[in-house]
C-alpha atoms as a PDB file:
ATOM      1  CA  MET A   1      -9.921 -17.427  20.082  1.00  0.00           C
ATOM      2  CA  ASP A   2     -12.936 -18.791  21.942  1.00  0.00           C
ATOM      3  CA  SER A   3     -16.507 -17.831  21.072  1.00  0.00           C
ATOM      4  CA  THR A   4     -17.025 -15.465  24.022  1.00  0.00           C
ATOM      5  CA  ALA A   5     -13.909 -13.458  23.137  1.00  0.00           C
ATOM      6  CA  GLY A   6     -15.042 -13.344  19.524  1.00  0.00           C
ATOM      7  CA  GLN A   7     -18.476 -12.154  20.602  1.00  0.00           C
ATOM      8  CA  ARG A   8     -16.990  -9.423  22.769  1.00  0.00           C
ATOM      9  CA  LEU A   9     -14.723  -8.312  19.914  1.00  0.00           C
ATOM     10  CA  LEU A  10     -17.698  -8.348  17.591  1.00  0.00           C
ATOM     11  CA  ALA A  11     -19.843  -6.357  19.990  1.00  0.00           C
ATOM     12  CA  ARG A  12     -17.141  -3.666  20.318  1.00  0.00           C
ATOM     13  CA  SER A  13     -16.548  -3.396  16.562  1.00  0.00           C
ATOM     14  CA  ILE A  14     -20.165  -2.968  15.523  1.00  0.00           C
ATOM     15  CA  LYS A  15     -21.469   0.578  15.855  1.00  0.00           C
ATOM     16  CA  ARG A  16     -25.067  -0.102  14.844  1.00  0.00           C
ATOM     17  CA  PRO A  17     -27.133  -3.079  15.912  1.00  0.00           C
ATOM     18  CA  LEU A  18     -27.481  -5.909  13.417  1.00  0.00           C
ATOM     19  CA  SER A  19     -30.431  -8.173  12.990  1.00  0.00           C
ATOM     20  CA  THR A  20     -30.134 -11.601  14.563  1.00  0.00           C
ATOM     21  CA  LYS A  21     -29.945 -13.332  11.194  1.00  0.00           C
ATOM     22  CA  THR A  22     -27.211 -11.001   9.919  1.00  0.00           C
ATOM     23  CA  LEU A  23     -25.287 -11.339  13.203  1.00  0.00           C
ATOM     24  CA  ARG A  24     -25.436 -15.133  13.020  1.00  0.00           C
ATOM     25  CA  GLN A  25     -24.268 -15.131   9.381  1.00  0.00           C
ATOM     26  CA  PHE A  26     -21.425 -12.768  10.275  1.00  0.00           C
ATOM     27  CA  GLN A  27     -20.395 -14.862  13.245  1.00  0.00           C
ATOM     28  CA  THR A  28     -20.353 -18.089  11.220  1.00  0.00           C
ATOM     29  CA  ARG A  29     -18.394 -16.445   8.428  1.00  0.00           C
ATOM     30  CA  LEU A  30     -15.917 -14.940  10.918  1.00  0.00           C
ATOM     31  CA  LYS A  31     -15.517 -18.290  12.645  1.00  0.00           C
ATOM     32  CA  ALA A  32     -14.838 -20.008   9.297  1.00  0.00           C
ATOM     33  CA  ILE A  33     -12.224 -17.371   8.378  1.00  0.00           C
ATOM     34  CA  LEU A  34     -10.539 -17.614  11.775  1.00  0.00           C
ATOM     35  CA  ASP A  35     -10.472 -21.432  11.578  1.00  0.00           C
ATOM     36  CA  VAL A  36      -8.789 -21.295   8.171  1.00  0.00           C
ATOM     37  CA  TYR A  37      -6.298 -18.708   9.444  1.00  0.00           C
ATOM     38  CA  LEU A  38      -5.503 -20.679  12.615  1.00  0.00           C
ATOM     39  CA  HIS A  39      -5.105 -23.913  10.654  1.00  0.00           C
ATOM     40  CA  HIS A  40      -2.732 -22.356   8.101  1.00  0.00           C
ATOM     41  CA  ARG A  41      -1.145 -19.719  10.333  1.00  0.00           C
ATOM     42  CA  PRO A  42       2.524 -20.700   9.836  1.00  0.00           C
ATOM     43  CA  VAL A  43       2.186 -20.541   6.055  1.00  0.00           C
ATOM     44  CA  ILE A  44       0.268 -17.258   6.182  1.00  0.00           C
ATOM     45  CA  GLN A  45       2.839 -15.703   8.491  1.00  0.00           C
ATOM     46  CA  ARG A  46       5.703 -16.759   6.207  1.00  0.00           C
ATOM     47  CA  LEU A  47       3.929 -15.303   3.188  1.00  0.00           C
ATOM     48  CA  LEU A  48       3.270 -12.048   4.998  1.00  0.00           C
ATOM     49  CA  THR A  49       6.871 -11.835   6.141  1.00  0.00           C
ATOM     50  CA  ALA A  50       8.228 -12.641   2.665  1.00  0.00           C
ATOM     51  CA  GLY A  51       5.924 -10.048   1.119  1.00  0.00           C
ATOM     52  CA  PHE A  52       7.080  -7.418   3.605  1.00  0.00           C
ATOM     53  CA  VAL A  53      10.769  -8.249   2.973  1.00  0.00           C
ATOM     54  CA  LEU A  54      10.250  -8.032  -0.780  1.00  0.00           C
ATOM     55  CA  TYR A  55       8.439  -4.697  -0.400  1.00  0.00           C
ATOM     56  CA  CYS A  56      11.298  -3.299   1.724  1.00  0.00           C
ATOM     57  CA  LEU A  57      13.971  -4.538  -0.668  1.00  0.00           C
ATOM     58  CA  GLY A  58      12.112  -3.173  -3.661  1.00  0.00           C
ATOM     59  CA  THR A  59      11.532   0.279  -2.220  1.00  0.00           C
ATOM     60  CA  THR A  60      15.088   0.456  -0.965  1.00  0.00           C
ATOM     61  CA  TYR A  61      16.418  -0.489  -4.386  1.00  0.00           C
ATOM     62  CA  LEU A  62      14.209   2.107  -6.094  1.00  0.00           C
ATOM     63  CA  SER A  63      15.227   4.876  -3.700  1.00  0.00           C
ATOM     64  CA  VAL A  64      18.954   4.051  -3.992  1.00  0.00           C
ATOM     65  CA  THR A  65      18.901   3.876  -7.797  1.00  0.00           C
ATOM     66  CA  GLY A  66      16.678   6.937  -8.072  1.00  0.00           C
ATOM     67  CA  ARG A  67      14.112   5.184 -10.265  1.00  0.00           C
ATOM     68  CA  SER A  68      11.132   6.031  -8.101  1.00  0.00           C
ATOM     69  CA  GLY A  69      10.472   9.332  -9.920  1.00  0.00           C
ATOM     70  CA  LYS A  70      10.526   8.001 -13.475  1.00  0.00           C
ATOM     71  CA  VAL A  71       6.731   7.646 -13.710  1.00  0.00           C
ATOM     72  CA  GLU A  72       6.205  11.198 -12.511  1.00  0.00           C
ATOM     73  CA  ALA A  73       8.839  12.569 -14.901  1.00  0.00           C
ATOM     74  CA  SER A  74       7.327  10.802 -17.895  1.00  0.00           C
ATOM     75  CA  ALA A  75       3.839  12.089 -16.977  1.00  0.00           C
ATOM     76  CA  ARG A  76       5.279  15.597 -16.655  1.00  0.00           C
ATOM     77  CA  GLN A  77       6.934  15.289 -20.073  1.00  0.00           C
ATOM     78  CA  ALA A  78       3.670  14.113 -21.616  1.00  0.00           C
ATOM     79  CA  ARG A  79       1.820  17.148 -20.203  1.00  0.00           C
ATOM     80  CA  ARG A  80       4.512  19.477 -21.543  1.00  0.00           C
ATOM     81  CA  ALA A  81       4.284  17.847 -24.960  1.00  0.00           C
ATOM     82  CA  ARG A  82       0.532  18.337 -25.006  1.00  0.00           C
ATOM     83  CA  LYS A  83       0.965  22.003 -24.080  1.00  0.00           C
ATOM     84  CA  GLY A  84       3.398  22.496 -26.935  1.00  0.00           C
ATOM     85  CA  GLU A  85       6.528  22.786 -24.865  1.00  0.00           C
ATOM     86  CA  LYS A  86       9.608  20.776 -25.648  1.00  0.00           C
ATOM     87  CA  ALA A  87       9.223  17.425 -23.882  1.00  0.00           C
ATOM     88  CA  GLY A  88      12.798  17.249 -22.572  1.00  0.00           C
ATOM     89  CA  SER A  89      13.159  20.897 -21.581  1.00  0.00           C
ATOM     90  CA  LYS A  90      15.274  21.297 -18.444  1.00  0.00           C
ATOM     91  CA  ARG A  91      15.872  25.048 -18.736  1.00  0.00           C
ATOM     92  CA  ALA A  92      15.065  25.937 -15.130  1.00  0.00           C
ATOM     93  CA  HIS A  93      17.107  23.075 -13.782  1.00  0.00           C
ATOM     94  CA  THR A  94      20.108  24.043 -15.934  1.00  0.00           C
ATOM     95  CA  GLN A  95      19.857  27.686 -14.767  1.00  0.00           C
ATOM     96  CA  MET A  96      19.872  26.577 -11.141  1.00  0.00           C
ATOM     97  CA  GLU A  97      22.906  24.356 -11.751  1.00  0.00           C
ATOM     98  CA  ALA A  98      24.782  27.244 -13.384  1.00  0.00           C
ATOM     99  CA  ARG A  99      23.998  29.521 -10.448  1.00  0.00           C
ATOM    100  CA  SER A 100      25.165  26.963  -7.929  1.00  0.00           C
ATOM    101  CA  ARG A 101      28.482  26.500  -9.782  1.00  0.00           C
ATOM    102  CA  LEU A 102      29.102  30.230  -9.924  1.00  0.00           C
ATOM    103  CA  GLY A 103      28.282  31.031  -6.345  1.00  0.00           C
END
């Protein structure tokens, strides 16, 4: 990215005017970040891709095994225990199962 393209992008992204000193500091910092990114781009792209693949595999595994709701269920059980209800009570669920088997 050349400096004019960076300046145009910067001008479009800023909604309120910045002081000259702040703008220069921002431009130098942005240029340094872009230089590091461009120098290490293949490594960064591989890391981003690997992270995305791991995220997809992890969420797929959790959805297939049904483990994604465990945290919510344990929080629900803790609330019931605090209210004085039996922590493992599944009365409503059992009634619905019985109705579905009968009808």
